[in-house]
PDB file of N, CA and C in Angstrom:
ATOM      1  N   CYS A   1      32.934   7.011 -31.752  1.00  0.00           N
ATOM      2  CA  CYS A   1      33.659   6.083 -31.034  1.00  0.00           C
ATOM      3  C   CYS A   1      33.957   6.400 -29.698  1.00  0.00           C
ATOM      4  N   SER A   2      33.407   6.007 -28.023  1.00  0.00           N
ATOM      5  CA  SER A   2      33.125   6.752 -26.666  1.00  0.00           C
ATOM      6  C   SER A   2      33.922   6.208 -25.887  1.00  0.00           C
ATOM      7  N   GLU A   3      34.474   6.706 -24.813  1.00  0.00           N
ATOM      8  CA  GLU A   3      36.019   6.442 -24.608  1.00  0.00           C
ATOM      9  C   GLU A   3      35.900   5.014 -23.423  1.00  0.00           C
ATOM     10  N   ARG A   4      34.869   4.665 -23.282  1.00  0.00           N
ATOM     11  CA  ARG A   4      34.973   2.456 -22.995  1.00  0.00           C
ATOM     12  C   ARG A   4      35.152   1.766 -23.762  1.00  0.00           C
ATOM     13  N   GLY A   5      34.774   2.884 -25.631  1.00  0.00           N
ATOM     14  CA  GLY A   5      34.910   1.382 -26.818  1.00  0.00           C
ATOM     15  C   GLY A   5      36.249   2.214 -27.050  1.00  0.00           C
ATOM     16  N   ARG A   6      37.246   2.659 -26.710  1.00  0.00           N
ATOM     17  CA  ARG A   6      38.425   3.176 -27.023  1.00  0.00           C
ATOM     18  C   ARG A   6      39.364   2.236 -26.068  1.00  0.00           C
ATOM     19  N   SER A   7      38.308   2.089 -24.750  1.00  0.00           N
ATOM     20  CA  SER A   7      39.463   1.373 -22.841  1.00  0.00           C
ATOM     21  C   SER A   7      39.555  -0.062 -23.970  1.00  0.00           C
ATOM     22  N   SER A   8      38.201  -0.340 -24.152  1.00  0.00           N
ATOM     23  CA  SER A   8      38.274  -2.391 -24.720  1.00  0.00           C
ATOM     24  C   SER A   8      38.737  -1.971 -25.984  1.00  0.00           C
ATOM     25  N   MET A   9      38.786  -1.883 -26.758  1.00  0.00           N
ATOM     26  CA  MET A   9      40.000  -1.460 -28.458  1.00  0.00           C
ATOM     27  C   MET A   9      41.330  -1.730 -27.245  1.00  0.00           C
ATOM     28  N   ARG A  10      42.068  -0.802 -26.770  1.00  0.00           N
ATOM     29  CA  ARG A  10      43.221  -0.879 -26.475  1.00  0.00           C
ATOM     30  C   ARG A  10      43.562  -2.470 -25.550  1.00  0.00           C
ATOM     31  N   ASN A  11      42.371  -2.397 -24.812  1.00  0.00           N
ATOM     32  CA  ASN A  11      43.089  -3.772 -23.535  1.00  0.00           C
ATOM     33  C   ASN A  11      42.625  -4.876 -24.704  1.00  0.00           C
ATOM     34  N   ILE A  12      42.277  -5.069 -25.817  1.00  0.00           N
ATOM     35  CA  ILE A  12      42.145  -5.904 -26.583  1.00  0.00           C
ATOM     36  C   ILE A  12      43.725  -5.711 -27.910  1.00  0.00           C
ATOM     37  N   VAL A  13      43.555  -4.750 -27.535  1.00  0.00           N
ATOM     38  CA  VAL A  13      45.371  -4.888 -28.976  1.00  0.00           C
ATOM     39  C   VAL A  13      46.410  -5.170 -27.653  1.00  0.00           C
ATOM     40  N   GLY A  14      46.283  -4.573 -26.400  1.00  0.00           N
ATOM     41  CA  GLY A  14      46.816  -4.782 -25.616  1.00  0.00           C
ATOM     42  C   GLY A  14      46.953  -6.671 -24.975  1.00  0.00           C
ATOM     43  N   LEU A  15      46.149  -7.581 -25.621  1.00  0.00           N
ATOM     44  CA  LEU A  15      46.263  -9.230 -25.144  1.00  0.00           C
ATOM     45  C   LEU A  15      46.631  -9.529 -26.681  1.00  0.00           C
ATOM     46  N   ILE A  16      45.966  -9.032 -27.162  1.00  0.00           N
ATOM     47  CA  ILE A  16      46.483  -9.810 -28.904  1.00  0.00           C
ATOM     48  C   ILE A  16      47.932  -9.203 -28.405  1.00  0.00           C
ATOM     49  N   VAL A  17      48.843  -8.452 -28.087  1.00  0.00           N
ATOM     50  CA  VAL A  17      50.512  -8.426 -28.592  1.00  0.00           C
ATOM     51  C   VAL A  17      50.984  -9.289 -26.945  1.00  0.00           C
ATOM     52  N   ILE A  18      51.001  -9.530 -26.054  1.00  0.00           N
ATOM     53  CA  ILE A  18      51.126 -10.551 -25.168  1.00  0.00           C
ATOM     54  C   ILE A  18      50.751 -12.332 -25.792  1.00  0.00           C
ATOM     55  N   LEU A  19      49.488 -11.796 -26.587  1.00  0.00           N
ATOM     56  CA  LEU A  19      48.996 -13.264 -26.566  1.00  0.00           C
ATOM     57  C   LEU A  19      49.739 -13.965 -27.860  1.00  0.00           C
ATOM     58  N   ALA A  20      50.304 -13.086 -28.191  1.00  0.00           N
ATOM     59  CA  ALA A  20      51.826 -13.438 -29.480  1.00  0.00           C
ATOM     60  C   ALA A  20      53.173 -13.219 -29.290  1.00  0.00           C
ATOM     61  N   GLY A  21      53.089 -12.384 -28.944  1.00  0.00           N
ATOM     62  CA  GLY A  21      54.279 -12.468 -27.412  1.00  0.00           C
ATOM     63  C   GLY A  21      55.252 -13.874 -27.409  1.00  0.00           C
ATOM     64  N   LEU A  22      53.896 -14.434 -26.100  1.00  0.00           N
ATOM     65  CA  LEU A  22      54.169 -15.927 -25.719  1.00  0.00           C
ATOM     66  C   LEU A  22      53.632 -16.976 -26.703  1.00  0.00           C
ATOM     67  N   SER A  23      53.429 -17.461 -27.828  1.00  0.00           N
ATOM     68  CA  SER A  23      53.667 -17.092 -29.484  1.00  0.00           C
ATOM     69  C   SER A  23      54.532 -17.812 -29.916  1.00  0.00           C
ATOM     70  N   LEU A  24      55.788 -15.952 -29.698  1.00  0.00           N
ATOM     71  CA  LEU A  24      56.407 -16.709 -29.740  1.00  0.00           C
ATOM     72  C   LEU A  24      57.685 -17.090 -29.418  1.00  0.00           C
ATOM     73  N   ALA A  25      57.542 -16.773 -28.069  1.00  0.00           N
ATOM     74  CA  ALA A  25      58.683 -17.757 -26.993  1.00  0.00           C
ATOM     75  C   ALA A  25      58.249 -18.866 -27.494  1.00  0.00           C
ATOM     76  N   ALA A  26      57.345 -19.517 -27.241  1.00  0.00           N
ATOM     77  CA  ALA A  26      56.679 -20.805 -26.971  1.00  0.00           C
ATOM     78  C   ALA A  26      57.396 -21.741 -28.740  1.00  0.00           C
ATOM     79  N   GLN A  27      57.865 -20.558 -29.775  1.00  0.00           N
ATOM     80  CA  GLN A  27      58.509 -20.933 -31.270  1.00  0.00           C
ATOM     81  C   GLN A  27      59.590 -21.376 -30.557  1.00  0.00           C
ATOM     82  N   SER A  28      59.889 -19.994 -30.287  1.00  0.00           N
ATOM     83  CA  SER A  28      61.905 -20.316 -29.974  1.00  0.00           C
ATOM     84  C   SER A  28      61.950 -21.175 -29.207  1.00  0.00           C
ATOM     85  N   GLN A  29      61.501 -21.732 -28.312  1.00  0.00           N
ATOM     86  CA  GLN A  29      61.697 -22.524 -27.534  1.00  0.00           C
ATOM     87  C   GLN A  29      61.587 -23.778 -28.385  1.00  0.00           C
ATOM     88  N   ASN A  30      61.249 -24.582 -28.427  1.00  0.00           N
ATOM     89  CA  ASN A  30      60.520 -24.853 -29.978  1.00  0.00           C
ATOM     90  C   ASN A  30      61.431 -25.569 -30.607  1.00  0.00           C
ATOM     91  N   ASP A  31      62.097 -24.015 -31.404  1.00  0.00           N
ATOM     92  CA  ASP A  31      63.637 -24.284 -32.308  1.00  0.00           C
ATOM     93  C   ASP A  31      64.855 -24.748 -31.457  1.00  0.00           C
ATOM     94  N   THR A  32      64.504 -23.685 -30.606  1.00  0.00           N
ATOM     95  CA  THR A  32      65.482 -24.056 -29.616  1.00  0.00           C
ATOM     96  C   THR A  32      65.631 -25.465 -29.594  1.00  0.00           C
ATOM     97  N   GLU A  33      65.014 -25.944 -28.714  1.00  0.00           N
ATOM     98  CA  GLU A  33      64.449 -28.144 -28.779  1.00  0.00           C
ATOM     99  C   GLU A  33      64.357 -28.094 -29.451  1.00  0.00           C
ATOM    100  N   GLY A  34      64.391 -28.353 -30.894  1.00  0.00           N
ATOM    101  CA  GLY A  34      64.623 -28.680 -32.093  1.00  0.00           C
ATOM    102  C   GLY A  34      65.980 -28.908 -32.338  1.00  0.00           C
ATOM    103  N   ARG A  35      66.481 -26.851 -31.730  1.00  0.00           N
ATOM    104  CA  ARG A  35      68.107 -27.376 -32.390  1.00  0.00           C
ATOM    105  C   ARG A  35      69.640 -28.512 -31.967  1.00  0.00           C
ATOM    106  N   TYR A  36      68.573 -28.016 -30.409  1.00  0.00           N
ATOM    107  CA  TYR A  36      69.541 -29.270 -29.040  1.00  0.00           C
ATOM    108  C   TYR A  36      69.536 -30.503 -29.424  1.00  0.00           C
ATOM    109  N   LYS A  37      68.204 -30.895 -30.490  1.00  0.00           N
ATOM    110  CA  LYS A  37      68.079 -32.389 -30.861  1.00  0.00           C
ATOM    111  C   LYS A  37      69.225 -33.218 -31.729  1.00  0.00           C
ATOM    112  N   SER A  38      69.256 -31.634 -33.075  1.00  0.00           N
ATOM    113  CA  SER A  38      69.518 -32.427 -34.187  1.00  0.00           C
ATOM    114  C   SER A  38      71.715 -31.522 -34.422  1.00  0.00           C
ATOM    115  N   LYS A  39      71.991 -30.332 -32.937  1.00  0.00           N
ATOM    116  CA  LYS A  39      73.413 -30.692 -32.908  1.00  0.00           C
ATOM    117  C   LYS A  39      73.684 -31.201 -31.443  1.00  0.00           C
ATOM    118  N   CYS A  40      73.154 -30.930 -30.666  1.00  0.00           N
ATOM    119  CA  CYS A  40      74.120 -31.597 -29.336  1.00  0.00           C
ATOM    120  C   CYS A  40      73.563 -33.416 -29.271  1.00  0.00           C
ATOM    121  N   ALA A  41      72.382 -33.302 -28.856  1.00  0.00           N
ATOM    122  CA  ALA A  41      71.457 -34.608 -28.572  1.00  0.00           C
ATOM    123  C   ALA A  41      72.732 -36.024 -28.462  1.00  0.00           C
ATOM    124  N   MET A  42      72.613 -35.527 -30.162  1.00  0.00           N
ATOM    125  CA  MET A  42      73.188 -36.568 -30.973  1.00  0.00           C
ATOM    126  C   MET A  42      74.654 -37.688 -29.390  1.00  0.00           C
ATOM    127  N   CYS A  43      75.769 -36.534 -29.007  1.00  0.00           N
ATOM    128  CA  CYS A  43      76.640 -36.901 -27.829  1.00  0.00           C
ATOM    129  C   CYS A  43      75.612 -36.688 -26.742  1.00  0.00           C
ATOM    130  N   HIS A  44      75.670 -35.320 -26.059  1.00  0.00           N
ATOM    131  CA  HIS A  44      75.305 -34.589 -24.813  1.00  0.00           C
ATOM    132  C   HIS A  44      73.907 -35.432 -24.331  1.00  0.00           C
ATOM    133  N   GLY A  45      73.342 -36.513 -25.911  1.00  0.00           N
ATOM    134  CA  GLY A  45      71.779 -36.979 -24.914  1.00  0.00           C
ATOM    135  C   GLY A  45      70.914 -36.070 -24.514  1.00  0.00           C
ATOM    136  N   GLY A  46      69.528 -36.169 -24.753  1.00  0.00           N
ATOM    137  CA  GLY A  46      68.031 -35.215 -24.556  1.00  0.00           C
ATOM    138  C   GLY A  46      68.077 -34.373 -22.744  1.00  0.00           C
ATOM    139  N   ASP A  47      68.776 -34.864 -22.228  1.00  0.00           N
ATOM    140  CA  ASP A  47      69.050 -35.414 -20.759  1.00  0.00           C
ATOM    141  C   ASP A  47      70.353 -34.455 -20.840  1.00  0.00           C
ATOM    142  N   GLY A  48      71.207 -34.390 -21.815  1.00  0.00           N
ATOM    143  CA  GLY A  48      72.471 -33.771 -21.444  1.00  0.00           C
ATOM    144  C   GLY A  48      73.801 -34.197 -20.652  1.00  0.00           C
ATOM    145  N   SER A  49      73.169 -35.173 -19.724  1.00  0.00           N
ATOM    146  CA  SER A  49      74.055 -36.779 -19.246  1.00  0.00           C
ATOM    147  C   SER A  49      75.566 -36.397 -20.094  1.00  0.00           C
ATOM    148  N   GLY A  50      75.196 -36.441 -21.677  1.00  0.00           N
ATOM    149  CA  GLY A  50      76.217 -37.464 -22.246  1.00  0.00           C
ATOM    150  C   GLY A  50      76.617 -38.932 -22.421  1.00  0.00           C
ATOM    151  N   SER A  51      75.728 -39.585 -21.436  1.00  0.00           N
ATOM    152  CA  SER A  51      75.232 -40.736 -21.701  1.00  0.00           C
ATOM    153  C   SER A  51      75.745 -42.291 -22.957  1.00  0.00           C
ATOM    154  N   THR A  52      75.531 -41.337 -23.803  1.00  0.00           N
ATOM    155  CA  THR A  52      75.075 -42.020 -25.363  1.00  0.00           C
ATOM    156  C   THR A  52      76.229 -42.232 -26.166  1.00  0.00           C
ATOM    157  N   PRO A  53      75.481 -44.117 -26.932  1.00  0.00           N
ATOM    158  CA  PRO A  53      77.402 -43.832 -27.472  1.00  0.00           C
ATOM    159  C   PRO A  53      77.590 -43.660 -27.496  1.00  0.00           C
ATOM    160  N   ALA A  54      77.776 -42.288 -28.900  1.00  0.00           N
ATOM    161  CA  ALA A  54      78.782 -41.147 -29.186  1.00  0.00           C
ATOM    162  C   ALA A  54      79.276 -40.686 -28.762  1.00  0.00           C
ATOM    163  N   GLY A  55      78.204 -39.966 -27.391  1.00  0.00           N
ATOM    164  CA  GLY A  55      79.119 -38.490 -25.595  1.00  0.00           C
ATOM    165  C   GLY A  55      80.438 -40.250 -25.828  1.00  0.00           C
ATOM    166  N   LYS A  56      79.831 -41.240 -25.402  1.00  0.00           N
ATOM    167  CA  LYS A  56      80.619 -42.751 -24.506  1.00  0.00           C
ATOM    168  C   LYS A  56      82.142 -42.180 -25.431  1.00  0.00           C
ATOM    169  N   THR A  57      82.345 -41.950 -26.934  1.00  0.00           N
ATOM    170  CA  THR A  57      83.383 -42.698 -27.874  1.00  0.00           C
ATOM    171  C   THR A  57      83.923 -41.396 -27.537  1.00  0.00           C
ATOM    172  N   THR A  58      83.410 -39.739 -27.078  1.00  0.00           N
ATOM    173  CA  THR A  58      83.730 -38.404 -27.850  1.00  0.00           C
ATOM    174  C   THR A  58      84.215 -37.834 -26.334  1.00  0.00           C
ATOM    175  N   GLY A  59      83.859 -38.548 -25.697  1.00  0.00           N
ATOM    176  CA  GLY A  59      83.643 -38.136 -24.273  1.00  0.00           C
ATOM    177  C   GLY A  59      83.849 -37.317 -23.821  1.00  0.00           C
ATOM    178  N   ALA A  60      82.010 -37.043 -24.596  1.00  0.00           N
ATOM    179  CA  ALA A  60      80.802 -35.042 -24.027  1.00  0.00           C
ATOM    180  C   ALA A  60      81.259 -35.386 -22.359  1.00  0.00           C
ATOM    181  N   LYS A  61      81.241 -34.970 -22.357  1.00  0.00           N
ATOM    182  CA  LYS A  61      80.746 -34.776 -20.506  1.00  0.00           C
ATOM    183  C   LYS A  61      78.629 -33.765 -20.812  1.00  0.00           C
ATOM    184  N   ASP A  62      78.353 -34.685 -19.361  1.00  0.00           N
ATOM    185  CA  ASP A  62      77.713 -34.650 -19.157  1.00  0.00           C
ATOM    186  C   ASP A  62      77.613 -32.590 -18.156  1.00  0.00           C
ATOM    187  N   PHE A  63      77.078 -32.163 -19.122  1.00  0.00           N
ATOM    188  CA  PHE A  63      76.452 -30.491 -18.688  1.00  0.00           C
ATOM    189  C   PHE A  63      76.077 -30.260 -16.702  1.00  0.00           C
ATOM    190  N   ARG A  64      75.795 -31.466 -15.578  1.00  0.00           N
ATOM    191  CA  ARG A  64      75.316 -31.134 -14.461  1.00  0.00           C
ATOM    192  C   ARG A  64      76.744 -31.774 -13.928  1.00  0.00           C
ATOM    193  N   TYR A  65      77.683 -31.343 -14.552  1.00  0.00           N
ATOM    194  CA  TYR A  65      78.575 -31.681 -13.739  1.00  0.00           C
ATOM    195  C   TYR A  65      79.194 -30.353 -13.309  1.00  0.00           C
ATOM    196  N   PRO A  66      80.484 -30.807 -11.994  1.00  0.00           N
ATOM    197  CA  PRO A  66      80.175 -29.275 -11.195  1.00  0.00           C
ATOM    198  C   PRO A  66      81.320 -28.240 -12.327  1.00  0.00           C
ATOM    199  N   GLU A  67      82.251 -28.971 -12.692  1.00  0.00           N
ATOM    200  CA  GLU A  67      83.378 -28.387 -13.487  1.00  0.00           C
ATOM    201  C   GLU A  67      82.323 -27.222 -14.994  1.00  0.00           C
ATOM    202  N   VAL A  68      81.159 -28.116 -15.350  1.00  0.00           N
ATOM    203  CA  VAL A  68      80.596 -28.476 -16.526  1.00  0.00           C
ATOM    204  C   VAL A  68      79.227 -26.315 -16.144  1.00  0.00           C
ATOM    205  N   VAL A  69      78.830 -26.585 -15.255  1.00  0.00           N
ATOM    206  CA  VAL A  69      78.755 -26.055 -13.833  1.00  0.00           C
ATOM    207  C   VAL A  69      78.909 -24.843 -14.837  1.00  0.00           C
ATOM    208  N   LYS A  70      79.953 -24.308 -13.853  1.00  0.00           N
ATOM    209  CA  LYS A  70      80.486 -23.550 -12.726  1.00  0.00           C
ATOM    210  C   LYS A  70      80.807 -22.601 -14.562  1.00  0.00           C
ATOM    211  N   GLU A  71      80.938 -22.604 -15.849  1.00  0.00           N
ATOM    212  CA  GLU A  71      81.440 -22.650 -17.138  1.00  0.00           C
ATOM    213  C   GLU A  71      80.852 -21.391 -16.962  1.00  0.00           C
ATOM    214  N   THR A  72      81.058 -19.796 -17.142  1.00  0.00           N
ATOM    215  CA  THR A  72      80.397 -19.072 -17.676  1.00  0.00           C
ATOM    216  C   THR A  72      79.528 -18.477 -19.239  1.00  0.00           C
ATOM    217  N   ASP A  73      78.823 -18.454 -19.094  1.00  0.00           N
ATOM    218  CA  ASP A  73      78.269 -18.076 -20.132  1.00  0.00           C
ATOM    219  C   ASP A  73      79.130 -17.904 -21.840  1.00  0.00           C
ATOM    220  N   ALA A  74      79.537 -16.932 -21.085  1.00  0.00           N
ATOM    221  CA  ALA A  74      80.000 -16.435 -22.340  1.00  0.00           C
ATOM    222  C   ALA A  74      81.457 -17.539 -22.581  1.00  0.00           C
ATOM    223  N   GLU A  75      82.110 -19.125 -21.466  1.00  0.00           N
ATOM    224  CA  GLU A  75      82.195 -19.524 -22.179  1.00  0.00           C
ATOM    225  C   GLU A  75      82.157 -20.475 -22.591  1.00  0.00           C
ATOM    226  N   LEU A  76      80.644 -21.338 -21.899  1.00  0.00           N
ATOM    227  CA  LEU A  76      80.419 -21.579 -23.032  1.00  0.00           C
ATOM    228  C   LEU A  76      80.055 -21.217 -24.235  1.00  0.00           C
ATOM    229  N   GLN A  77      79.684 -20.806 -24.571  1.00  0.00           N
ATOM    230  CA  GLN A  77      78.891 -19.780 -26.396  1.00  0.00           C
ATOM    231  C   GLN A  77      80.404 -20.034 -26.749  1.00  0.00           C
ATOM    232  N   GLU A  78      81.382 -19.462 -26.050  1.00  0.00           N
ATOM    233  CA  GLU A  78      83.287 -20.520 -26.512  1.00  0.00           C
ATOM    234  C   GLU A  78      82.769 -21.076 -27.467  1.00  0.00           C
ATOM    235  N   VAL A  79      82.813 -22.463 -26.739  1.00  0.00           N
ATOM    236  CA  VAL A  79      82.626 -23.072 -26.519  1.00  0.00           C
ATOM    237  C   VAL A  79      81.742 -23.908 -28.603  1.00  0.00           C
ATOM    238  N   ILE A  80      80.368 -23.738 -27.641  1.00  0.00           N
ATOM    239  CA  ILE A  80      79.991 -24.112 -28.992  1.00  0.00           C
ATOM    240  C   ILE A  80      80.350 -23.478 -30.744  1.00  0.00           C
ATOM    241  N   GLN A  81      80.339 -22.274 -30.113  1.00  0.00           N
ATOM    242  CA  GLN A  81      81.575 -21.323 -31.479  1.00  0.00           C
ATOM    243  C   GLN A  81      82.158 -21.588 -32.456  1.00  0.00           C
ATOM    244  N   ARG A  82      83.646 -22.349 -31.367  1.00  0.00           N
ATOM    245  CA  ARG A  82      84.803 -23.385 -31.158  1.00  0.00           C
ATOM    246  C   ARG A  82      84.854 -24.677 -31.254  1.00  0.00           C
ATOM    247  N   GLY A  83      83.808 -24.901 -30.556  1.00  0.00           N
ATOM    248  CA  GLY A  83      84.247 -26.866 -30.334  1.00  0.00           C
ATOM    249  C   GLY A  83      85.193 -26.715 -29.600  1.00  0.00           C
ATOM    250  N   ARG A  84      85.022 -27.269 -29.757  1.00  0.00           N
ATOM    251  CA  ARG A  84      85.927 -28.526 -28.594  1.00  0.00           C
ATOM    252  C   ARG A  84      86.897 -29.748 -28.069  1.00  0.00           C
ATOM    253  N   LYS A  85      87.537 -30.008 -28.503  1.00  0.00           N
ATOM    254  CA  LYS A  85      88.116 -31.105 -28.827  1.00  0.00           C
ATOM    255  C   LYS A  85      87.693 -31.994 -29.722  1.00  0.00           C
ATOM    256  N   LYS A  86      86.295 -33.336 -29.762  1.00  0.00           N
ATOM    257  CA  LYS A  86      85.621 -33.546 -30.636  1.00  0.00           C
ATOM    258  C   LYS A  86      84.899 -33.250 -31.614  1.00  0.00           C
ATOM    259  N   MET A  87      84.010 -32.373 -30.393  1.00  0.00           N
ATOM    260  CA  MET A  87      83.707 -31.411 -30.457  1.00  0.00           C
ATOM    261  C   MET A  87      82.756 -30.155 -31.447  1.00  0.00           C
ATOM    262  N   PRO A  88      82.254 -30.689 -33.126  1.00  0.00           N
ATOM    263  CA  PRO A  88      82.537 -29.360 -34.194  1.00  0.00           C
ATOM    264  C   PRO A  88      82.133 -27.817 -33.179  1.00  0.00           C
ATOM    265  N   ALA A  89      82.565 -26.921 -34.088  1.00  0.00           N
ATOM    266  CA  ALA A  89      82.670 -25.815 -34.258  1.00  0.00           C
ATOM    267  C   ALA A  89      80.881 -25.533 -34.496  1.00  0.00           C
ATOM    268  N   TYR A  90      80.297 -24.720 -33.488  1.00  0.00           N
ATOM    269  CA  TYR A  90      80.063 -24.050 -34.481  1.00  0.00           C
ATOM    270  C   TYR A  90      78.865 -22.274 -35.951  1.00  0.00           C
ATOM    271  N   GLN A  91      80.075 -22.386 -36.064  1.00  0.00           N
ATOM    272  CA  GLN A  91      80.331 -20.156 -35.646  1.00  0.00           C
ATOM    273  C   GLN A  91      80.071 -20.765 -37.512  1.00  0.00           C
ATOM    274  N   GLY A  92      79.194 -19.598 -38.072  1.00  0.00           N
ATOM    275  CA  GLY A  92      79.254 -19.169 -38.992  1.00  0.00           C
ATOM    276  C   GLY A  92      77.414 -20.527 -39.301  1.00  0.00           C
ATOM    277  N   LYS A  93      77.881 -21.724 -39.027  1.00  0.00           N
ATOM    278  CA  LYS A  93      76.328 -22.670 -38.746  1.00  0.00           C
ATOM    279  C   LYS A  93      75.020 -21.585 -38.006  1.00  0.00           C
ATOM    280  N   LEU A  94      76.027 -21.216 -36.551  1.00  0.00           N
ATOM    281  CA  LEU A  94      74.683 -20.692 -35.758  1.00  0.00           C
ATOM    282  C   LEU A  94      74.799 -19.109 -35.076  1.00  0.00           C
ATOM    283  N   ASN A  95      73.941 -18.980 -35.142  1.00  0.00           N
ATOM    284  CA  ASN A  95      73.775 -16.519 -35.249  1.00  0.00           C
ATOM    285  C   ASN A  95      74.390 -16.786 -33.507  1.00  0.00           C
ATOM    286  N   ALA A  96      74.724 -15.460 -32.893  1.00  0.00           N
ATOM    287  CA  ALA A  96      74.564 -15.098 -32.030  1.00  0.00           C
ATOM    288  C   ALA A  96      73.228 -15.899 -30.626  1.00  0.00           C
ATOM    289  N   ASP A  97      72.582 -15.411 -31.615  1.00  0.00           N
ATOM    290  CA  ASP A  97      70.572 -16.013 -30.989  1.00  0.00           C
ATOM    291  C   ASP A  97      70.237 -16.951 -30.358  1.00  0.00           C
ATOM    292  N   GLN A  98      71.100 -18.253 -32.027  1.00  0.00           N
ATOM    293  CA  GLN A  98      70.999 -19.147 -31.475  1.00  0.00           C
ATOM    294  C   GLN A  98      71.529 -19.467 -30.826  1.00  0.00           C
ATOM    295  N   VAL A  99      72.718 -20.017 -30.370  1.00  0.00           N
ATOM    296  CA  VAL A  99      73.642 -19.380 -29.426  1.00  0.00           C
ATOM    297  C   VAL A  99      73.093 -19.906 -28.011  1.00  0.00           C
ATOM    298  N   ASP A 100      73.488 -18.271 -27.825  1.00  0.00           N
ATOM    299  CA  ASP A 100      72.146 -17.699 -26.545  1.00  0.00           C
ATOM    300  C   ASP A 100      71.481 -18.448 -25.925  1.00  0.00           C
ATOM    301  N   ASP A 101      70.853 -19.035 -26.634  1.00  0.00           N
ATOM    302  CA  ASP A 101      69.322 -19.767 -26.708  1.00  0.00           C
ATOM    303  C   ASP A 101      70.230 -21.615 -26.436  1.00  0.00           C
ATOM    304  N   LEU A 102      70.551 -22.002 -27.030  1.00  0.00           N
ATOM    305  CA  LEU A 102      71.224 -23.097 -26.914  1.00  0.00           C
ATOM    306  C   LEU A 102      72.059 -23.013 -25.422  1.00  0.00           C
ATOM    307  N   VAL A 103      72.315 -22.533 -24.710  1.00  0.00           N
ATOM    308  CA  VAL A 103      73.356 -21.504 -23.519  1.00  0.00           C
ATOM    309  C   VAL A 103      72.212 -21.661 -22.579  1.00  0.00           C
ATOM    310  N   LYS A 104      70.884 -21.044 -22.402  1.00  0.00           N
ATOM    311  CA  LYS A 104      69.963 -21.234 -21.765  1.00  0.00           C
ATOM    312  C   LYS A 104      68.883 -22.306 -21.976  1.00  0.00           C
ATOM    313  N   TYR A 105      68.936 -22.850 -22.802  1.00  0.00           N
ATOM    314  CA  TYR A 105      68.777 -24.150 -22.466  1.00  0.00           C
ATOM    315  C   TYR A 105      69.114 -24.964 -22.437  1.00  0.00           C
ATOM    316  N   ILE A 106      71.151 -25.647 -22.312  1.00  0.00           N
ATOM    317  CA  ILE A 106      71.419 -26.043 -21.651  1.00  0.00           C
ATOM    318  C   ILE A 106      71.181 -25.761 -19.980  1.00  0.00           C
ATOM    319  N   ARG A 107      70.825 -24.263 -19.337  1.00  0.00           N
ATOM    320  CA  ARG A 107      71.404 -23.983 -17.816  1.00  0.00           C
ATOM    321  C   ARG A 107      69.931 -25.040 -17.263  1.00  0.00           C
ATOM    322  N   GLN A 108      68.759 -24.608 -18.670  1.00  0.00           N
ATOM    323  CA  GLN A 108      67.768 -25.675 -18.535  1.00  0.00           C
ATOM    324  C   GLN A 108      67.949 -27.217 -17.872  1.00  0.00           C
ATOM    325  N   LEU A 109      69.041 -27.830 -18.303  1.00  0.00           N
ATOM    326  CA  LEU A 109      69.415 -29.420 -18.751  1.00  0.00           C
ATOM    327  C   LEU A 109      69.628 -29.134 -16.929  1.00  0.00           C
ATOM    328  N   GLN A 110      70.788 -28.753 -17.100  1.00  0.00           N
ATOM    329  CA  GLN A 110      71.770 -27.793 -15.589  1.00  0.00           C
ATOM    330  C   GLN A 110      70.736 -27.950 -14.265  1.00  0.00           C
ATOM    331  N   GLY A 111      69.246 -27.367 -14.576  1.00  0.00           N
ATOM    332  CA  GLY A 111      68.326 -27.336 -13.593  1.00  0.00           C
ATOM    333  C   GLY A 111      68.255 -25.937 -12.902  1.00  0.00           C
ATOM    334  N   ARG A 112      69.002 -25.162 -13.310  1.00  0.00           N
ATOM    335  CA  ARG A 112      69.191 -23.550 -12.669  1.00  0.00           C
ATOM    336  C   ARG A 112      67.980 -23.077 -13.782  1.00  0.00           C
TER     337      ARG A 112
END
């Protein structure tokens, strides 16, 4: 096998690794979006506004409100894990990575 052939093979392997990583990232985003829809959207809405009937009844915060935007990631993680007022706790139901991904998703809804 020539040096040129080995170099081409390394490039192909590198491309496969990159594509696999992108595929996993896309799958993770899809999983997080689905998790948000199943656990959060009923109250917070698909856009995070809290303007759903359940959100209005429970007093769900609009994720874009300044007091929510200023919360740290750790504070949002704690709310997801422990719950707040009428919001259920997800500790033991979601693992740390899933909670982190939800916080990142909320940040996207906030435009951050």
